[in-house]
């Protein structure tokens, strides 16, 4: 597997600890070039796969990473359009649009390479509307938390934050959140707990998921006092 998959597994574990259930769904991003013709194309055909992972208390952290790897692989082999999924989830999808896909997942987990805002292709100016990071991840020493500007909060609403974005070296990252909804101290606690889970995966891969959840709940309780 890859460091990105392991970090995604840690995020699944964080979400499942907070939600009190084994199964969580994370939205990520993929290049989505399944054919030779699309792989040769200039423009990007990005898509947001929804990765559903079940992490049971009795499994090890290493097994949790393997489960996430299998879940992402299955997701990429069985991609469907957002419209198809939305119609299955919400029969009234056609009449209530716009209907953001944040209804379909528990959290976002992206790679820093996902955000590229301006391109010029054959004289055509292409601009992506997205969240612009206040700090370049390439120079960030560790995982940070940062509030969104007012101008970017409408984008957050469609993406369903809080949202993790991981740096290219996989050594750092950023947690986006809406400060009008989520208190900064709560976001800091989430980052602290996430880093603890990653540390446990690296130091004790055979540790039980249930034990990590117990320690996580105790830590979050202590930090909130």
C-alpha atoms as a PDB file:
ATOM      1  CA  UNK A   1       0.000   0.000   0.000  1.00  0.00           C
ATOM      2  CA  UNK A   2       1.073   3.684   0.251  1.00  0.00           C
ATOM      3  CA  UNK A   3       1.516   6.272   3.030  1.00  0.00           C
ATOM      4  CA  UNK A   4      -1.564   8.079   1.718  1.00  0.00           C
ATOM      5  CA  UNK A   5      -3.702   4.956   2.262  1.00  0.00           C
ATOM      6  CA  UNK A   6      -2.352   4.555   5.803  1.00  0.00           C
ATOM      7  CA  UNK A   7      -3.131   8.209   6.556  1.00  0.00           C
ATOM      8  CA  UNK A   8      -6.625   7.769   5.119  1.00  0.00           C
ATOM      9  CA  UNK A   9      -7.134   4.702   7.337  1.00  0.00           C
ATOM     10  CA  UNK A  10      -6.190   6.850  10.340  1.00  0.00           C
ATOM     11  CA  UNK A  11      -8.805   9.413   9.303  1.00  0.00           C
ATOM     12  CA  UNK A  12     -11.441   6.685   9.004  1.00  0.00           C
ATOM     13  CA  UNK A  13     -10.520   5.608  12.539  1.00  0.00           C
ATOM     14  CA  UNK A  14     -10.804   9.167  13.835  1.00  0.00           C
ATOM     15  CA  UNK A  15     -14.238   9.588  12.247  1.00  0.00           C
ATOM     16  CA  UNK A  16     -15.480   6.225  13.511  1.00  0.00           C
ATOM     17  CA  UNK A  17     -14.283   7.046  17.035  1.00  0.00           C
ATOM     18  CA  UNK A  18     -16.193  10.325  16.989  1.00  0.00           C
ATOM     19  CA  UNK A  19     -19.296   8.808  15.362  1.00  0.00           C
ATOM     20  CA  UNK A  20     -19.426   5.708  17.581  1.00  0.00           C
ATOM     21  CA  UNK A  21     -19.767   3.283  14.667  1.00  0.00           C
ATOM     22  CA  UNK A  22     -17.465   0.984  12.697  1.00  0.00           C
ATOM     23  CA  UNK A  23     -18.383   2.071   9.163  1.00  0.00           C
ATOM     24  CA  UNK A  24     -17.412   5.476   7.798  1.00  0.00           C
ATOM     25  CA  UNK A  25     -17.313   6.954   4.300  1.00  0.00           C
ATOM     26  CA  UNK A  26     -14.593   9.323   3.125  1.00  0.00           C
ATOM     27  CA  UNK A  27     -14.599  11.373  -0.053  1.00  0.00           C
ATOM     28  CA  UNK A  28     -11.222  11.614  -1.776  1.00  0.00           C
ATOM     29  CA  UNK A  29     -10.029  12.473  -5.307  1.00  0.00           C
ATOM     30  CA  UNK A  30      -8.807  10.370  -8.230  1.00  0.00           C
ATOM     31  CA  UNK A  31      -7.477  11.260 -11.653  1.00  0.00           C
ATOM     32  CA  UNK A  32     -10.143   9.072 -13.332  1.00  0.00           C
ATOM     33  CA  UNK A  33      -8.344   8.161 -16.576  1.00  0.00           C
ATOM     34  CA  UNK A  34      -9.447   4.559 -17.185  1.00  0.00           C
ATOM     35  CA  UNK A  35      -8.732   4.441 -20.943  1.00  0.00           C
ATOM     36  CA  UNK A  36      -5.567   4.954 -22.995  1.00  0.00           C
ATOM     37  CA  UNK A  37      -7.188   7.888 -24.798  1.00  0.00           C
ATOM     38  CA  UNK A  38      -8.048   9.662 -21.545  1.00  0.00           C
ATOM     39  CA  UNK A  39      -4.545   9.060 -20.167  1.00  0.00           C
ATOM     40  CA  UNK A  40      -3.128  10.891 -23.224  1.00  0.00           C
ATOM     41  CA  UNK A  41      -5.529  13.822 -22.860  1.00  0.00           C
ATOM     42  CA  UNK A  42      -4.289  17.208 -21.648  1.00  0.00           C
ATOM     43  CA  UNK A  43      -7.210  18.094 -19.411  1.00  0.00           C
ATOM     44  CA  UNK A  44      -7.932  16.389 -16.116  1.00  0.00           C
ATOM     45  CA  UNK A  45     -10.957  14.158 -15.565  1.00  0.00           C
ATOM     46  CA  UNK A  46     -10.955  14.268 -11.773  1.00  0.00           C
ATOM     47  CA  UNK A  47     -13.608  12.505  -9.744  1.00  0.00           C
ATOM     48  CA  UNK A  48     -14.413  12.124  -6.062  1.00  0.00           C
ATOM     49  CA  UNK A  49     -14.666   8.448  -5.054  1.00  0.00           C
ATOM     50  CA  UNK A  50     -16.574   7.639  -1.862  1.00  0.00           C
ATOM     51  CA  UNK A  51     -14.506   5.135   0.109  1.00  0.00           C
ATOM     52  CA  UNK A  52     -16.525   3.133   2.663  1.00  0.00           C
ATOM     53  CA  UNK A  53     -14.436   1.306   5.275  1.00  0.00           C
ATOM     54  CA  UNK A  54     -15.495  -0.806   8.242  1.00  0.00           C
ATOM     55  CA  UNK A  55     -13.012  -0.942  11.118  1.00  0.00           C
ATOM     56  CA  UNK A  56     -14.024  -3.336  13.895  1.00  0.00           C
ATOM     57  CA  UNK A  57     -12.666  -3.137  17.434  1.00  0.00           C
ATOM     58  CA  UNK A  58     -10.974  -6.541  17.242  1.00  0.00           C
ATOM     59  CA  UNK A  59      -8.900  -5.871  14.119  1.00  0.00           C
ATOM     60  CA  UNK A  60      -5.335  -4.554  14.270  1.00  0.00           C
ATOM     61  CA  UNK A  61      -4.271  -1.154  12.966  1.00  0.00           C
ATOM     62  CA  UNK A  62      -2.360  -2.939  10.207  1.00  0.00           C
ATOM     63  CA  UNK A  63      -5.564  -4.764   9.229  1.00  0.00           C
ATOM     64  CA  UNK A  64      -7.404  -1.432   9.249  1.00  0.00           C
ATOM     65  CA  UNK A  65      -4.924  -0.085   6.697  1.00  0.00           C
ATOM     66  CA  UNK A  66      -5.388  -3.203   4.551  1.00  0.00           C
ATOM     67  CA  UNK A  67      -9.173  -2.792   4.762  1.00  0.00           C
ATOM     68  CA  UNK A  68      -8.877   0.798   3.566  1.00  0.00           C
ATOM     69  CA  UNK A  69      -6.619  -0.291   0.694  1.00  0.00           C
ATOM     70  CA  UNK A  70      -9.162  -2.925  -0.392  1.00  0.00           C
ATOM     71  CA  UNK A  71     -12.051  -0.464  -0.027  1.00  0.00           C
ATOM     72  CA  UNK A  72     -10.351   2.156  -2.215  1.00  0.00           C
ATOM     73  CA  UNK A  73      -9.443  -0.472  -4.823  1.00  0.00           C
ATOM     74  CA  UNK A  74     -13.048  -1.743  -4.902  1.00  0.00           C
ATOM     75  CA  UNK A  75     -14.307   1.837  -5.175  1.00  0.00           C
ATOM     76  CA  UNK A  76     -12.085   2.594  -8.167  1.00  0.00           C
ATOM     77  CA  UNK A  77     -13.223  -0.603  -9.900  1.00  0.00           C
ATOM     78  CA  UNK A  78     -16.888   0.243  -9.433  1.00  0.00           C
ATOM     79  CA  UNK A  79     -17.160   3.954 -10.126  1.00  0.00           C
ATOM     80  CA  UNK A  80     -20.591   5.488 -10.732  1.00  0.00           C
ATOM     81  CA  UNK A  81     -21.616   9.028 -11.614  1.00  0.00           C
ATOM     82  CA  UNK A  82     -22.698  11.412  -8.872  1.00  0.00           C
ATOM     83  CA  UNK A  83     -26.128  11.699 -10.511  1.00  0.00           C
ATOM     84  CA  UNK A  84     -26.651   7.931 -10.316  1.00  0.00           C
ATOM     85  CA  UNK A  85     -25.632   7.767  -6.669  1.00  0.00           C
ATOM     86  CA  UNK A  86     -27.610  10.877  -5.727  1.00  0.00           C
ATOM     87  CA  UNK A  87     -30.790   9.520  -7.332  1.00  0.00           C
ATOM     88  CA  UNK A  88     -30.398   6.253  -5.409  1.00  0.00           C
ATOM     89  CA  UNK A  89     -29.934   8.104  -2.106  1.00  0.00           C
ATOM     90  CA  UNK A  90     -32.470  10.875  -2.719  1.00  0.00           C
ATOM     91  CA  UNK A  91     -35.369  10.026  -5.062  1.00  0.00           C
ATOM     92  CA  UNK A  92     -36.230  13.756  -5.211  1.00  0.00           C
ATOM     93  CA  UNK A  93     -32.742  14.648  -6.472  1.00  0.00           C
ATOM     94  CA  UNK A  94     -34.001  16.164  -9.761  1.00  0.00           C
ATOM     95  CA  UNK A  95     -36.390  18.559  -8.023  1.00  0.00           C
ATOM     96  CA  UNK A  96     -34.141  19.699  -5.165  1.00  0.00           C
ATOM     97  CA  UNK A  97     -30.947  20.462  -7.089  1.00  0.00           C
ATOM     98  CA  UNK A  98     -28.421  21.795  -6.304  1.00  0.00           C
ATOM     99  CA  UNK A  99     -27.924  18.915  -3.871  1.00  0.00           C
ATOM    100  CA  UNK A 100     -24.270  18.784  -2.676  1.00  0.00           C
ATOM    101  CA  UNK A 101     -22.531  15.451  -2.287  1.00  0.00           C
ATOM    102  CA  UNK A 102     -21.665  16.188   1.364  1.00  0.00           C
ATOM    103  CA  UNK A 103     -24.813  14.143   2.128  1.00  0.00           C
ATOM    104  CA  UNK A 104     -22.976  11.025   0.929  1.00  0.00           C
ATOM    105  CA  UNK A 105     -19.896  10.929   3.185  1.00  0.00           C
ATOM    106  CA  UNK A 106     -18.551  11.596   6.678  1.00  0.00           C
ATOM    107  CA  UNK A 107     -15.450  13.602   5.742  1.00  0.00           C
ATOM    108  CA  UNK A 108     -13.026  14.725   3.015  1.00  0.00           C
ATOM    109  CA  UNK A 109      -9.454  13.468   2.669  1.00  0.00           C
ATOM    110  CA  UNK A 110      -7.432  14.873  -0.228  1.00  0.00           C
ATOM    111  CA  UNK A 111      -3.873  15.083  -1.470  1.00  0.00           C
ATOM    112  CA  UNK A 112      -2.331  18.540  -1.880  1.00  0.00           C
ATOM    113  CA  UNK A 113      -1.966  17.840  -5.612  1.00  0.00           C
ATOM    114  CA  UNK A 114      -5.764  18.028  -5.854  1.00  0.00           C
ATOM    115  CA  UNK A 115      -5.805  21.843  -5.726  1.00  0.00           C
ATOM    116  CA  UNK A 116      -4.626  23.633  -8.862  1.00  0.00           C
ATOM    117  CA  UNK A 117      -6.467  26.865  -9.534  1.00  0.00           C
ATOM    118  CA  UNK A 118      -5.431  28.258 -12.939  1.00  0.00           C
ATOM    119  CA  UNK A 119      -4.480  26.726 -16.277  1.00  0.00           C
ATOM    120  CA  UNK A 120      -4.149  27.995 -19.825  1.00  0.00           C
ATOM    121  CA  UNK A 121      -4.805  25.356 -22.490  1.00  0.00           C
ATOM    122  CA  UNK A 122      -4.502  26.339 -26.162  1.00  0.00           C
ATOM    123  CA  UNK A 123      -5.464  29.912 -25.313  1.00  0.00           C
ATOM    124  CA  UNK A 124      -8.402  28.835 -23.155  1.00  0.00           C
ATOM    125  CA  UNK A 125      -8.222  30.132 -19.588  1.00  0.00           C
ATOM    126  CA  UNK A 126      -9.414  27.478 -17.124  1.00  0.00           C
ATOM    127  CA  UNK A 127     -10.037  28.474 -13.529  1.00  0.00           C
ATOM    128  CA  UNK A 128     -11.083  26.059 -10.784  1.00  0.00           C
ATOM    129  CA  UNK A 129     -13.162  27.407  -7.934  1.00  0.00           C
ATOM    130  CA  UNK A 130     -11.867  25.897  -4.736  1.00  0.00           C
ATOM    131  CA  UNK A 131     -10.416  26.483  -1.318  1.00  0.00           C
ATOM    132  CA  UNK A 132      -7.089  28.318  -1.469  1.00  0.00           C
ATOM    133  CA  UNK A 133      -4.741  27.353   1.323  1.00  0.00           C
ATOM    134  CA  UNK A 134      -3.387  30.148   3.523  1.00  0.00           C
ATOM    135  CA  UNK A 135      -0.123  28.220   4.009  1.00  0.00           C
ATOM    136  CA  UNK A 136       1.689  26.166   1.327  1.00  0.00           C
ATOM    137  CA  UNK A 137       1.755  22.560   2.480  1.00  0.00           C
ATOM    138  CA  UNK A 138       5.192  22.074   0.968  1.00  0.00           C
ATOM    139  CA  UNK A 139       6.674  24.310   3.670  1.00  0.00           C
ATOM    140  CA  UNK A 140       4.417  23.316   6.580  1.00  0.00           C
ATOM    141  CA  UNK A 141       6.321  21.456   9.322  1.00  0.00           C
ATOM    142  CA  UNK A 142       3.371  19.405  10.562  1.00  0.00           C
ATOM    143  CA  UNK A 143      -0.399  19.022  10.470  1.00  0.00           C
ATOM    144  CA  UNK A 144      -2.055  22.400  10.980  1.00  0.00           C
ATOM    145  CA  UNK A 145      -5.585  23.713  11.385  1.00  0.00           C
ATOM    146  CA  UNK A 146      -6.798  26.834   9.652  1.00  0.00           C
ATOM    147  CA  UNK A 147     -10.126  28.684   9.372  1.00  0.00           C
ATOM    148  CA  UNK A 148     -11.546  29.529   5.968  1.00  0.00           C
ATOM    149  CA  UNK A 149     -12.012  33.045   4.738  1.00  0.00           C
ATOM    150  CA  UNK A 150     -15.570  34.266   4.239  1.00  0.00           C
ATOM    151  CA  UNK A 151     -15.100  34.160   0.470  1.00  0.00           C
ATOM    152  CA  UNK A 152     -14.179  30.465   0.591  1.00  0.00           C
ATOM    153  CA  UNK A 153     -16.928  29.322   2.936  1.00  0.00           C
ATOM    154  CA  UNK A 154     -19.453  28.724   0.155  1.00  0.00           C
ATOM    155  CA  UNK A 155     -17.003  26.233  -1.325  1.00  0.00           C
ATOM    156  CA  UNK A 156     -16.693  24.577   2.080  1.00  0.00           C
ATOM    157  CA  UNK A 157     -20.470  24.145   2.175  1.00  0.00           C
ATOM    158  CA  UNK A 158     -20.418  22.094  -1.025  1.00  0.00           C
ATOM    159  CA  UNK A 159     -17.394  20.055   0.070  1.00  0.00           C
ATOM    160  CA  UNK A 160     -18.782  19.257   3.516  1.00  0.00           C
ATOM    161  CA  UNK A 161     -15.848  20.205   5.755  1.00  0.00           C
ATOM    162  CA  UNK A 162     -14.001  19.832   8.011  1.00  0.00           C
ATOM    163  CA  UNK A 163     -11.633  18.583   5.354  1.00  0.00           C
ATOM    164  CA  UNK A 164      -8.126  17.106   5.612  1.00  0.00           C
ATOM    165  CA  UNK A 165      -5.571  17.838   2.906  1.00  0.00           C
ATOM    166  CA  UNK A 166      -2.265  15.945   3.056  1.00  0.00           C
ATOM    167  CA  UNK A 167       1.033  17.299   1.707  1.00  0.00           C
ATOM    168  CA  UNK A 168       2.913  15.681  -1.169  1.00  0.00           C
ATOM    169  CA  UNK A 169       5.763  14.350   1.056  1.00  0.00           C
ATOM    170  CA  UNK A 170       3.007  12.868   3.291  1.00  0.00           C
ATOM    171  CA  UNK A 171       4.757  14.461   6.255  1.00  0.00           C
ATOM    172  CA  UNK A 172       2.314  17.300   6.881  1.00  0.00           C
ATOM    173  CA  UNK A 173      -1.180  18.480   6.158  1.00  0.00           C
ATOM    174  CA  UNK A 174      -3.967  20.973   6.770  1.00  0.00           C
ATOM    175  CA  UNK A 175      -7.427  20.716   8.292  1.00  0.00           C
ATOM    176  CA  UNK A 176      -9.916  23.110   6.669  1.00  0.00           C
ATOM    177  CA  UNK A 177     -12.949  24.113   8.684  1.00  0.00           C
ATOM    178  CA  UNK A 178     -15.620  26.793   8.909  1.00  0.00           C
ATOM    179  CA  UNK A 179     -14.935  28.936  12.018  1.00  0.00           C
ATOM    180  CA  UNK A 180     -18.576  30.062  12.121  1.00  0.00           C
ATOM    181  CA  UNK A 181     -19.643  26.463  12.750  1.00  0.00           C
ATOM    182  CA  UNK A 182     -16.681  24.655  14.327  1.00  0.00           C
ATOM    183  CA  UNK A 183     -14.739  26.181  17.265  1.00  0.00           C
ATOM    184  CA  UNK A 184     -10.978  26.420  16.763  1.00  0.00           C
ATOM    185  CA  UNK A 185     -10.234  24.540  19.993  1.00  0.00           C
ATOM    186  CA  UNK A 186     -12.399  21.612  18.812  1.00  0.00           C
ATOM    187  CA  UNK A 187     -10.508  21.475  15.517  1.00  0.00           C
ATOM    188  CA  UNK A 188      -7.216  21.514  17.410  1.00  0.00           C
ATOM    189  CA  UNK A 189      -8.389  18.543  19.472  1.00  0.00           C
ATOM    190  CA  UNK A 190      -9.258  16.651  16.287  1.00  0.00           C
ATOM    191  CA  UNK A 191      -5.792  17.298  14.879  1.00  0.00           C
ATOM    192  CA  UNK A 192      -4.168  16.175  18.135  1.00  0.00           C
ATOM    193  CA  UNK A 193      -6.200  12.955  18.137  1.00  0.00           C
ATOM    194  CA  UNK A 194      -5.488  12.290  14.452  1.00  0.00           C
ATOM    195  CA  UNK A 195      -1.729  12.625  14.981  1.00  0.00           C
ATOM    196  CA  UNK A 196      -1.980  10.211  17.940  1.00  0.00           C
ATOM    197  CA  UNK A 197      -3.661   7.629  15.690  1.00  0.00           C
ATOM    198  CA  UNK A 198      -0.976   8.016  13.012  1.00  0.00           C
ATOM    199  CA  UNK A 199       1.738   7.647  15.653  1.00  0.00           C
ATOM    200  CA  UNK A 200       0.081   4.441  16.913  1.00  0.00           C
ATOM    201  CA  UNK A 201      -0.084   3.027  13.385  1.00  0.00           C
ATOM    202  CA  UNK A 202       3.632   3.627  12.907  1.00  0.00           C
ATOM    203  CA  UNK A 203       4.794   2.446  16.352  1.00  0.00           C
ATOM    204  CA  UNK A 204       2.307  -0.355  17.126  1.00  0.00           C
ATOM    205  CA  UNK A 205       0.679  -1.659  13.916  1.00  0.00           C
ATOM    206  CA  UNK A 206      -0.645  -4.763  15.717  1.00  0.00           C
ATOM    207  CA  UNK A 207      -2.489  -2.683  18.311  1.00  0.00           C
ATOM    208  CA  UNK A 208      -6.244  -3.293  18.363  1.00  0.00           C
ATOM    209  CA  UNK A 209      -8.548  -0.696  16.819  1.00  0.00           C
ATOM    210  CA  UNK A 210     -10.790  -0.874  19.876  1.00  0.00           C
ATOM    211  CA  UNK A 211      -7.914   0.020  22.179  1.00  0.00           C
ATOM    212  CA  UNK A 212      -7.014   3.033  20.033  1.00  0.00           C
ATOM    213  CA  UNK A 213     -10.645   4.154  20.138  1.00  0.00           C
ATOM    214  CA  UNK A 214     -10.689   3.918  23.932  1.00  0.00           C
ATOM    215  CA  UNK A 215      -7.505   5.969  24.198  1.00  0.00           C
ATOM    216  CA  UNK A 216      -8.870   8.473  21.680  1.00  0.00           C
ATOM    217  CA  UNK A 217     -12.093   9.047  23.602  1.00  0.00           C
ATOM    218  CA  UNK A 218     -10.137   9.499  26.827  1.00  0.00           C
ATOM    219  CA  UNK A 219      -7.776  11.978  25.159  1.00  0.00           C
ATOM    220  CA  UNK A 220     -10.582  14.018  23.619  1.00  0.00           C
ATOM    221  CA  UNK A 221     -12.355  14.089  26.979  1.00  0.00           C
ATOM    222  CA  UNK A 222      -9.211  15.297  28.736  1.00  0.00           C
ATOM    223  CA  UNK A 223      -8.504  17.966  26.127  1.00  0.00           C
ATOM    224  CA  UNK A 224     -12.049  19.322  26.344  1.00  0.00           C
ATOM    225  CA  UNK A 225     -11.818  20.038  30.073  1.00  0.00           C
END
